[in-house]
Amino acid sequence: MEAVILAESAVRLGNILALWLSMMINDTDRDRIRELCSLIAVEQDRHKLLKLIEELSRHIDAKDEGPKVKQIGD
């Protein structure tokens, strides 16, 4: 049951991140985040999964602290 919930969450996370990634400029960061999402989607070991999620979170936090994307209409 827990594996099913994690898999569904990974799919939702992937969809959200795909949209977010389309707004990112840095190709290296974009590629690493995509790689992390792919690894998260298939990782079976809970401890490895948490480490991957922590790394993904650090990348997202770093981007949130960086320059803001100008919104349409601003």
PDB file of N, CA and C in Angstrom:
ATOM      1  N   MET A   1       0.821  -1.196   0.000  1.00  0.00           N
ATOM      2  CA  MET A   1       0.000   0.000   0.000  1.00  0.00           C
ATOM      3  C   MET A   1       0.867   1.264   0.000  1.00  0.00           C
ATOM      4  N   GLU A   2       1.893   1.265   0.867  1.00  0.00           N
ATOM      5  CA  GLU A   2       2.776   2.431   0.955  1.00  0.00           C
ATOM      6  C   GLU A   2       3.499   2.676  -0.368  1.00  0.00           C
ATOM      7  N   ALA A   3       3.893   1.605  -1.043  1.00  0.00           N
ATOM      8  CA  ALA A   3       4.589   1.736  -2.331  1.00  0.00           C
ATOM      9  C   ALA A   3       3.673   2.362  -3.377  1.00  0.00           C
ATOM     10  N   VAL A   4       2.400   2.009  -3.348  1.00  0.00           N
ATOM     11  CA  VAL A   4       1.434   2.573  -4.301  1.00  0.00           C
ATOM     12  C   VAL A   4       1.267   4.069  -4.054  1.00  0.00           C
ATOM     13  N   ILE A   5       1.152   4.452  -2.808  1.00  0.00           N
ATOM     14  CA  ILE A   5       1.004   5.868  -2.458  1.00  0.00           C
ATOM     15  C   ILE A   5       2.246   6.645  -2.881  1.00  0.00           C
ATOM     16  N   LEU A   6       3.431   6.089  -2.621  1.00  0.00           N
ATOM     17  CA  LEU A   6       4.667   6.757  -3.024  1.00  0.00           C
ATOM     18  C   LEU A   6       4.747   6.883  -4.546  1.00  0.00           C
ATOM     19  N   ALA A   7       4.335   5.861  -5.266  1.00  0.00           N
ATOM     20  CA  ALA A   7       4.382   5.907  -6.728  1.00  0.00           C
ATOM     21  C   ALA A   7       3.430   6.970  -7.269  1.00  0.00           C
ATOM     22  N   GLU A   8       2.223   7.026  -6.716  1.00  0.00           N
ATOM     23  CA  GLU A   8       1.254   8.038  -7.153  1.00  0.00           C
ATOM     24  C   GLU A   8       1.772   9.444  -6.841  1.00  0.00           C
ATOM     25  N   SER A   9       2.372   9.607  -5.686  1.00  0.00           N
ATOM     26  CA  SER A   9       2.929  10.906  -5.310  1.00  0.00           C
ATOM     27  C   SER A   9       4.073  11.288  -6.238  1.00  0.00           C
ATOM     28  N   ALA A  10       4.883  10.324  -6.627  1.00  0.00           N
ATOM     29  CA  ALA A  10       6.006  10.594  -7.528  1.00  0.00           C
ATOM     30  C   ALA A  10       5.504  11.056  -8.892  1.00  0.00           C
ATOM     31  N   VAL A  11       4.419  10.460  -9.358  1.00  0.00           N
ATOM     32  CA  VAL A  11       3.847  10.870 -10.650  1.00  0.00           C
ATOM     33  C   VAL A  11       3.340  12.301 -10.556  1.00  0.00           C
ATOM     34  N   ARG A  12       2.625  12.621  -9.491  1.00  0.00           N
ATOM     35  CA  ARG A  12       2.124  13.991  -9.310  1.00  0.00           C
ATOM     36  C   ARG A  12       3.275  14.976  -9.194  1.00  0.00           C
ATOM     37  N   LEU A  13       4.278  14.611  -8.433  1.00  0.00           N
ATOM     38  CA  LEU A  13       5.456  15.460  -8.282  1.00  0.00           C
ATOM     39  C   LEU A  13       6.129  15.679  -9.630  1.00  0.00           C
ATOM     40  N   GLY A  14       6.226  14.629 -10.422  1.00  0.00           N
ATOM     41  CA  GLY A  14       6.828  14.739 -11.746  1.00  0.00           C
ATOM     42  C   GLY A  14       6.085  15.719 -12.635  1.00  0.00           C
ATOM     43  N   ASN A  15       4.762  15.690 -12.599  1.00  0.00           N
ATOM     44  CA  ASN A  15       3.967  16.613 -13.409  1.00  0.00           C
ATOM     45  C   ASN A  15       4.162  18.067 -12.974  1.00  0.00           C
ATOM     46  N   ILE A  16       4.178  18.280 -11.687  1.00  0.00           N
ATOM     47  CA  ILE A  16       4.384  19.634 -11.165  1.00  0.00           C
ATOM     48  C   ILE A  16       5.775  20.137 -11.524  1.00  0.00           C
ATOM     49  N   LEU A  17       6.769  19.278 -11.337  1.00  0.00           N
ATOM     50  CA  LEU A  17       8.144  19.684 -11.623  1.00  0.00           C
ATOM     51  C   LEU A  17       8.384  19.905 -13.109  1.00  0.00           C
ATOM     52  N   ALA A  18       7.686  19.159 -13.967  1.00  0.00           N
ATOM     53  CA  ALA A  18       7.846  19.363 -15.407  1.00  0.00           C
ATOM     54  C   ALA A  18       7.444  20.785 -15.780  1.00  0.00           C
ATOM     55  N   LEU A  19       6.351  21.258 -15.223  1.00  0.00           N
ATOM     56  CA  LEU A  19       5.927  22.636 -15.478  1.00  0.00           C
ATOM     57  C   LEU A  19       6.934  23.620 -14.901  1.00  0.00           C
ATOM     58  N   TRP A  20       7.358  23.386 -13.687  1.00  0.00           N
ATOM     59  CA  TRP A  20       8.309  24.281 -13.025  1.00  0.00           C
ATOM     60  C   TRP A  20       9.635  24.308 -13.783  1.00  0.00           C
ATOM     61  N   LEU A  21      10.075  23.139 -14.251  1.00  0.00           N
ATOM     62  CA  LEU A  21      11.342  23.061 -14.977  1.00  0.00           C
ATOM     63  C   LEU A  21      11.309  23.848 -16.280  1.00  0.00           C
ATOM     64  N   SER A  22      10.141  23.927 -16.898  1.00  0.00           N
ATOM     65  CA  SER A  22      10.043  24.649 -18.159  1.00  0.00           C
ATOM     66  C   SER A  22      10.352  26.131 -17.985  1.00  0.00           C
ATOM     67  N   MET A  23      10.304  26.619 -16.752  1.00  0.00           N
ATOM     68  CA  MET A  23      10.607  28.026 -16.475  1.00  0.00           C
ATOM     69  C   MET A  23      12.049  28.244 -16.030  1.00  0.00           C
ATOM     70  N   MET A  24      12.796  27.168 -15.821  1.00  0.00           N
ATOM     71  CA  MET A  24      14.173  27.293 -15.347  1.00  0.00           C
ATOM     72  C   MET A  24      15.111  27.589 -16.504  1.00  0.00           C
ATOM     73  N   ILE A  25      16.195  28.271 -16.221  1.00  0.00           N
ATOM     74  CA  ILE A  25      17.157  28.653 -17.246  1.00  0.00           C
ATOM     75  C   ILE A  25      18.373  27.725 -17.264  1.00  0.00           C
ATOM     76  N   ASN A  26      18.859  27.338 -16.131  1.00  0.00           N
ATOM     77  CA  ASN A  26      20.093  26.581 -16.009  1.00  0.00           C
ATOM     78  C   ASN A  26      19.899  25.124 -16.443  1.00  0.00           C
ATOM     79  N   ASP A  27      20.488  24.740 -17.569  1.00  0.00           N
ATOM     80  CA  ASP A  27      20.333  23.393 -18.111  1.00  0.00           C
ATOM     81  C   ASP A  27      20.891  22.315 -17.186  1.00  0.00           C
ATOM     82  N   THR A  28      21.987  22.607 -16.506  1.00  0.00           N
ATOM     83  CA  THR A  28      22.596  21.632 -15.605  1.00  0.00           C
ATOM     84  C   THR A  28      21.652  21.300 -14.460  1.00  0.00           C
ATOM     85  N   ASP A  29      21.078  22.332 -13.835  1.00  0.00           N
ATOM     86  CA  ASP A  29      20.124  22.110 -12.745  1.00  0.00           C
ATOM     87  C   ASP A  29      18.884  21.392 -13.258  1.00  0.00           C
ATOM     88  N   ARG A  30      18.403  21.805 -14.404  1.00  0.00           N
ATOM     89  CA  ARG A  30      17.204  21.184 -14.992  1.00  0.00           C
ATOM     90  C   ARG A  30      17.441  19.694 -15.222  1.00  0.00           C
ATOM     91  N   ASP A  31      18.596  19.349 -15.768  1.00  0.00           N
ATOM     92  CA  ASP A  31      18.908  17.944 -16.034  1.00  0.00           C
ATOM     93  C   ASP A  31      19.024  17.139 -14.737  1.00  0.00           C
ATOM     94  N   ARG A  32      19.661  17.715 -13.724  1.00  0.00           N
ATOM     95  CA  ARG A  32      19.813  16.992 -12.448  1.00  0.00           C
ATOM     96  C   ARG A  32      18.458  16.786 -11.783  1.00  0.00           C
ATOM     97  N   ILE A  33      17.594  17.791 -11.829  1.00  0.00           N
ATOM     98  CA  ILE A  33      16.270  17.652 -11.223  1.00  0.00           C
ATOM     99  C   ILE A  33      15.457  16.593 -11.956  1.00  0.00           C
ATOM    100  N   ARG A  34      15.548  16.572 -13.261  1.00  0.00           N
ATOM    101  CA  ARG A  34      14.852  15.522 -14.022  1.00  0.00           C
ATOM    102  C   ARG A  34      15.393  14.145 -13.659  1.00  0.00           C
ATOM    103  N   GLU A  35      16.705  14.056 -13.523  1.00  0.00           N
ATOM    104  CA  GLU A  35      17.323  12.786 -13.145  1.00  0.00           C
ATOM    105  C   GLU A  35      16.837  12.347 -11.760  1.00  0.00           C
ATOM    106  N   LEU A  36      16.808  13.289 -10.826  1.00  0.00           N
ATOM    107  CA  LEU A  36      16.341  12.968  -9.477  1.00  0.00           C
ATOM    108  C   LEU A  36      14.891  12.492  -9.501  1.00  0.00           C
ATOM    109  N   CYS A  37      14.056  13.148 -10.282  1.00  0.00           N
ATOM    110  CA  CYS A  37      12.645  12.742 -10.376  1.00  0.00           C
ATOM    111  C   CYS A  37      12.524  11.326 -10.919  1.00  0.00           C
ATOM    112  N   SER A  38      13.328  11.006 -11.927  1.00  0.00           N
ATOM    113  CA  SER A  38      13.306   9.654 -12.490  1.00  0.00           C
ATOM    114  C   SER A  38      13.763   8.629 -11.459  1.00  0.00           C
ATOM    115  N   LEU A  39      14.791   8.961 -10.707  1.00  0.00           N
ATOM    116  CA  LEU A  39      15.285   8.043  -9.681  1.00  0.00           C
ATOM    117  C   LEU A  39      14.260   7.872  -8.556  1.00  0.00           C
ATOM    118  N   ILE A  40      13.623   8.957  -8.161  1.00  0.00           N
ATOM    119  CA  ILE A  40      12.615   8.913  -7.110  1.00  0.00           C
ATOM    120  C   ILE A  40      11.440   8.034  -7.523  1.00  0.00           C
ATOM    121  N   ALA A  41      11.068   8.119  -8.771  1.00  0.00           N
ATOM    122  CA  ALA A  41       9.904   7.362  -9.259  1.00  0.00           C
ATOM    123  C   ALA A  41      10.092   5.853  -9.164  1.00  0.00           C
ATOM    124  N   VAL A  42      11.329   5.375  -9.192  1.00  0.00           N
ATOM    125  CA  VAL A  42      11.558   3.928  -9.214  1.00  0.00           C
ATOM    126  C   VAL A  42      12.281   3.396  -7.981  1.00  0.00           C
ATOM    127  N   GLU A  43      12.762   4.260  -7.112  1.00  0.00           N
ATOM    128  CA  GLU A  43      13.545   3.812  -5.956  1.00  0.00           C
ATOM    129  C   GLU A  43      12.671   3.001  -4.995  1.00  0.00           C
ATOM    130  N   GLN A  44      13.147   1.839  -4.618  1.00  0.00           N
ATOM    131  CA  GLN A  44      12.410   0.952  -3.718  1.00  0.00           C
ATOM    132  C   GLN A  44      12.898   1.040  -2.275  1.00  0.00           C
ATOM    133  N   ASP A  45      14.157   1.409  -2.091  1.00  0.00           N
ATOM    134  CA  ASP A  45      14.736   1.500  -0.754  1.00  0.00           C
ATOM    135  C   ASP A  45      14.311   2.820  -0.111  1.00  0.00           C
ATOM    136  N   ARG A  46      13.645   2.728   1.011  1.00  0.00           N
ATOM    137  CA  ARG A  46      13.092   3.918   1.677  1.00  0.00           C
ATOM    138  C   ARG A  46      14.172   4.942   2.043  1.00  0.00           C
ATOM    139  N   HIS A  47      15.299   4.481   2.534  1.00  0.00           N
ATOM    140  CA  HIS A  47      16.366   5.392   2.945  1.00  0.00           C
ATOM    141  C   HIS A  47      16.977   6.108   1.737  1.00  0.00           C
ATOM    142  N   LYS A  48      17.200   5.367   0.656  1.00  0.00           N
ATOM    143  CA  LYS A  48      17.722   5.992  -0.572  1.00  0.00           C
ATOM    144  C   LYS A  48      16.709   6.983  -1.139  1.00  0.00           C
ATOM    145  N   LEU A  49      15.429   6.605  -1.069  1.00  0.00           N
ATOM    146  CA  LEU A  49      14.366   7.481  -1.565  1.00  0.00           C
ATOM    147  C   LEU A  49      14.364   8.816  -0.807  1.00  0.00           C
ATOM    148  N   LEU A  50      14.474   8.738   0.500  1.00  0.00           N
ATOM    149  CA  LEU A  50      14.486   9.964   1.299  1.00  0.00           C
ATOM    150  C   LEU A  50      15.698  10.838   0.980  1.00  0.00           C
ATOM    151  N   LYS A  51      16.851  10.209   0.750  1.00  0.00           N
ATOM    152  CA  LYS A  51      18.040  10.991   0.380  1.00  0.00           C
ATOM    153  C   LYS A  51      17.850  11.689  -0.968  1.00  0.00           C
ATOM    154  N   LEU A  52      17.236  10.991  -1.919  1.00  0.00           N
ATOM    155  CA  LEU A  52      16.963  11.607  -3.224  1.00  0.00           C
ATOM    156  C   LEU A  52      15.990  12.770  -3.084  1.00  0.00           C
ATOM    157  N   ILE A  53      14.958  12.586  -2.274  1.00  0.00           N
ATOM    158  CA  ILE A  53      13.973  13.651  -2.057  1.00  0.00           C
ATOM    159  C   ILE A  53      14.625  14.845  -1.373  1.00  0.00           C
ATOM    160  N   GLU A  54      15.515  14.590  -0.425  1.00  0.00           N
ATOM    161  CA  GLU A  54      16.223  15.683   0.245  1.00  0.00           C
ATOM    162  C   GLU A  54      17.076  16.475  -0.749  1.00  0.00           C
ATOM    163  N   GLU A  55      17.763  15.766  -1.637  1.00  0.00           N
ATOM    164  CA  GLU A  55      18.573  16.464  -2.644  1.00  0.00           C
ATOM    165  C   GLU A  55      17.684  17.285  -3.582  1.00  0.00           C
ATOM    166  N   LEU A  56      16.575  16.705  -3.999  1.00  0.00           N
ATOM    167  CA  LEU A  56      15.635  17.423  -4.856  1.00  0.00           C
ATOM    168  C   LEU A  56      15.129  18.677  -4.150  1.00  0.00           C
ATOM    169  N   SER A  57      14.814  18.547  -2.896  1.00  0.00           N
ATOM    170  CA  SER A  57      14.338  19.683  -2.107  1.00  0.00           C
ATOM    171  C   SER A  57      15.384  20.790  -2.047  1.00  0.00           C
ATOM    172  N   ARG A  58      16.646  20.416  -1.887  1.00  0.00           N
ATOM    173  CA  ARG A  58      17.723  21.422  -1.855  1.00  0.00           C
ATOM    174  C   ARG A  58      17.809  22.173  -3.179  1.00  0.00           C
ATOM    175  N   HIS A  59      17.655  21.460  -4.294  1.00  0.00           N
ATOM    176  CA  HIS A  59      17.680  22.118  -5.600  1.00  0.00           C
ATOM    177  C   HIS A  59      16.513  23.093  -5.747  1.00  0.00           C
ATOM    178  N   ILE A  60      15.344  22.668  -5.309  1.00  0.00           N
ATOM    179  CA  ILE A  60      14.158  23.522  -5.416  1.00  0.00           C
ATOM    180  C   ILE A  60      14.308  24.737  -4.519  1.00  0.00           C
ATOM    181  N   ASP A  61      14.773  24.542  -3.290  1.00  0.00           N
ATOM    182  CA  ASP A  61      14.976  25.657  -2.374  1.00  0.00           C
ATOM    183  C   ASP A  61      15.983  26.653  -2.932  1.00  0.00           C
ATOM    184  N   ALA A  62      17.046  26.159  -3.530  1.00  0.00           N
ATOM    185  CA  ALA A  62      18.065  27.048  -4.108  1.00  0.00           C
ATOM    186  C   ALA A  62      17.469  27.873  -5.232  1.00  0.00           C
ATOM    187  N   LYS A  63      16.614  27.270  -6.041  1.00  0.00           N
ATOM    188  CA  LYS A  63      15.983  28.007  -7.133  1.00  0.00           C
ATOM    189  C   LYS A  63      14.991  29.027  -6.607  1.00  0.00           C
ATOM    190  N   ASP A  64      14.267  28.684  -5.529  1.00  0.00           N
ATOM    191  CA  ASP A  64      13.307  29.612  -4.943  1.00  0.00           C
ATOM    192  C   ASP A  64      13.992  30.849  -4.384  1.00  0.00           C
ATOM    193  N   GLU A  65      15.243  30.697  -3.936  1.00  0.00           N
ATOM    194  CA  GLU A  65      15.994  31.815  -3.385  1.00  0.00           C
ATOM    195  C   GLU A  65      16.682  32.647  -4.464  1.00  0.00           C
ATOM    196  N   GLY A  66      16.751  32.122  -5.669  1.00  0.00           N
ATOM    197  CA  GLY A  66      17.420  32.800  -6.771  1.00  0.00           C
ATOM    198  C   GLY A  66      16.547  33.865  -7.409  1.00  0.00           C
ATOM    199  N   PRO A  67      16.966  34.359  -8.575  1.00  0.00           N
ATOM    200  CA  PRO A  67      16.193  35.389  -9.272  1.00  0.00           C
ATOM    201  C   PRO A  67      14.792  34.884  -9.605  1.00  0.00           C
ATOM    202  N   LYS A  68      13.831  35.760  -9.450  1.00  0.00           N
ATOM    203  CA  LYS A  68      12.446  35.396  -9.697  1.00  0.00           C
ATOM    204  C   LYS A  68      12.118  35.529 -11.187  1.00  0.00           C
ATOM    205  N   VAL A  69      11.259  34.644 -11.666  1.00  0.00           N
ATOM    206  CA  VAL A  69      10.805  34.694 -13.052  1.00  0.00           C
ATOM    207  C   VAL A  69       9.719  35.753 -13.145  1.00  0.00           C
ATOM    208  N   LYS A  70       9.831  36.621 -14.118  1.00  0.00           N
ATOM    209  CA  LYS A  70       8.836  37.661 -14.290  1.00  0.00           C
ATOM    210  C   LYS A  70       7.537  37.034 -14.778  1.00  0.00           C
ATOM    211  N   GLN A  71       6.451  37.319 -14.101  1.00  0.00           N
ATOM    212  CA  GLN A  71       5.145  36.770 -14.447  1.00  0.00           C
ATOM    213  C   GLN A  71       4.543  37.553 -15.602  1.00  0.00           C
ATOM    214  N   ILE A  72       3.778  36.889 -16.430  1.00  0.00           N
ATOM    215  CA  ILE A  72       3.088  37.545 -17.534  1.00  0.00           C
ATOM    216  C   ILE A  72       2.147  38.592 -16.951  1.00  0.00           C
ATOM    217  N   GLY A  73       2.185  39.765 -17.489  1.00  0.00           N
ATOM    218  CA  GLY A  73       1.326  40.844 -17.014  1.00  0.00           C
ATOM    219  C   GLY A  73       1.996  41.747 -16.003  1.00  0.00           C
ATOM    220  N   ASP A  74       3.194  41.381 -15.542  1.00  0.00           N
ATOM    221  CA  ASP A  74       3.917  42.223 -14.574  1.00  0.00           C
ATOM    222  C   ASP A  74       4.579  43.380 -15.276  1.00  0.00           C
TER     223      ASP A  74
END
